Amino acid sequence: MQNQQGMTTPPPVISTKDHLYLQDMLHWNLLAMKKAHFLAEQCQDQSLKTELDRVGQMHHHHYNVIMEQLNQNQNQNPSAYMQ
């Protein structure tokens, strides 16, 4: 039997499946951000409005973090996306 060594770090490649999942994550966060913003605009209770604004900002932050990771990966390895 061959002596196989495991990878110490994952390869700098994003598979098509991973890329599609990341796109889904972006869409989920964008939709949640828009819904929170819409509800905050409609809300009469100031404490609830503040909390909805915070939730929207959190989803906006998550969206930006995912985009930064994708851009960083793309800049470091332009052929990082498998077809």
Protein backbone atom coordinates (compact mmCIF):
# COMPACT_ATOMS: atom_id res chain seq x y z
CA MET A 1 0.00 0.00 0.00
CA GLN A 2 1.31 3.46 -0.89
CA ASN A 3 2.17 5.97 1.79
CA GLN A 4 -0.19 8.89 1.10
CA GLN A 5 0.25 12.25 2.73
CA GLY A 6 -2.66 14.61 3.25
CA MET A 7 -2.71 18.19 2.05
CA THR A 8 -1.40 20.71 4.55
CA THR A 9 -3.31 23.54 2.87
CA PRO A 10 -6.16 23.45 0.39
CA PRO A 11 -5.34 24.28 -3.23
CA PRO A 12 -5.97 27.89 -4.32
CA VAL A 13 -8.85 26.82 -6.56
CA ILE A 14 -12.56 27.46 -6.22
CA SER A 15 -14.58 24.71 -7.84
CA THR A 16 -17.68 25.52 -9.85
CA LYS A 17 -19.81 24.07 -7.06
CA ASP A 18 -18.07 26.27 -4.46
CA HIS A 19 -18.40 29.32 -6.70
CA LEU A 20 -22.13 28.73 -7.11
CA TYR A 21 -22.53 28.31 -3.35
CA LEU A 22 -20.65 31.58 -2.74
CA GLN A 23 -22.97 33.30 -5.23
CA ASP A 24 -25.94 31.92 -3.28
CA MET A 25 -24.44 33.26 -0.05
CA LEU A 26 -24.08 36.69 -1.65
CA HIS A 27 -27.71 36.63 -2.78
CA TRP A 28 -28.95 35.49 0.65
CA ASN A 29 -27.09 38.28 2.42
CA LEU A 30 -28.18 40.91 -0.10
CA LEU A 31 -31.82 39.83 0.20
CA ALA A 32 -31.67 39.80 4.02
CA MET A 33 -30.07 43.26 3.99
CA LYS A 34 -32.82 44.62 1.71
CA LYS A 35 -35.59 43.06 3.80
CA ALA A 36 -34.17 44.44 7.04
CA HIS A 37 -33.85 47.90 5.48
CA PHE A 38 -37.41 47.78 4.14
CA LEU A 39 -38.83 46.65 7.50
CA ALA A 40 -36.83 49.30 9.36
CA GLU A 41 -38.31 51.97 7.09
CA GLN A 42 -41.85 50.71 7.82
CA CYS A 43 -41.35 50.26 11.56
CA GLN A 44 -42.85 52.68 14.12
CA ASP A 45 -41.06 51.29 17.20
CA GLN A 46 -37.67 53.04 17.43
CA SER A 47 -35.93 50.21 19.32
CA LEU A 48 -37.11 47.67 16.75
CA LYS A 49 -36.11 50.00 13.93
CA THR A 50 -32.62 50.31 15.44
CA GLU A 51 -32.33 46.53 15.72
CA LEU A 52 -33.47 46.02 12.12
CA ASP A 53 -30.89 48.58 10.98
CA ARG A 54 -28.23 46.65 12.91
CA VAL A 55 -29.33 43.39 11.27
CA GLY A 56 -29.17 45.00 7.83
CA GLN A 57 -25.68 46.33 8.55
CA MET A 58 -24.57 42.87 9.69
CA HIS A 59 -25.75 41.30 6.42
CA HIS A 60 -24.11 44.12 4.46
CA HIS A 61 -20.85 43.40 6.30
CA HIS A 62 -21.13 39.66 5.54
CA TYR A 63 -21.76 40.46 1.87
CA ASN A 64 -18.64 42.65 1.77
CA VAL A 65 -16.51 40.01 3.52
CA ILE A 66 -17.51 37.38 0.94
CA MET A 67 -16.80 39.81 -1.92
CA GLU A 68 -13.38 40.70 -0.45
CA GLN A 69 -12.48 37.02 -0.20
CA LEU A 70 -13.56 36.37 -3.78
CA ASN A 71 -11.67 39.41 -5.07
CA GLN A 72 -8.56 38.54 -3.06
CA ASN A 73 -8.61 34.98 -4.37
CA GLN A 74 -9.15 36.21 -7.94
CA ASN A 75 -6.27 38.71 -7.67
CA GLN A 76 -3.86 36.15 -6.20
CA ASN A 77 -4.73 33.43 -8.69
CA PRO A 78 -6.55 34.60 -11.85
CA SER A 79 -7.16 31.00 -12.95
CA ALA A 80 -8.58 30.01 -9.55
CA TYR A 81 -12.01 29.10 -10.87
CA MET A 82 -12.34 25.62 -12.29
CA GLN A 83 -14.60 25.22 -15.28
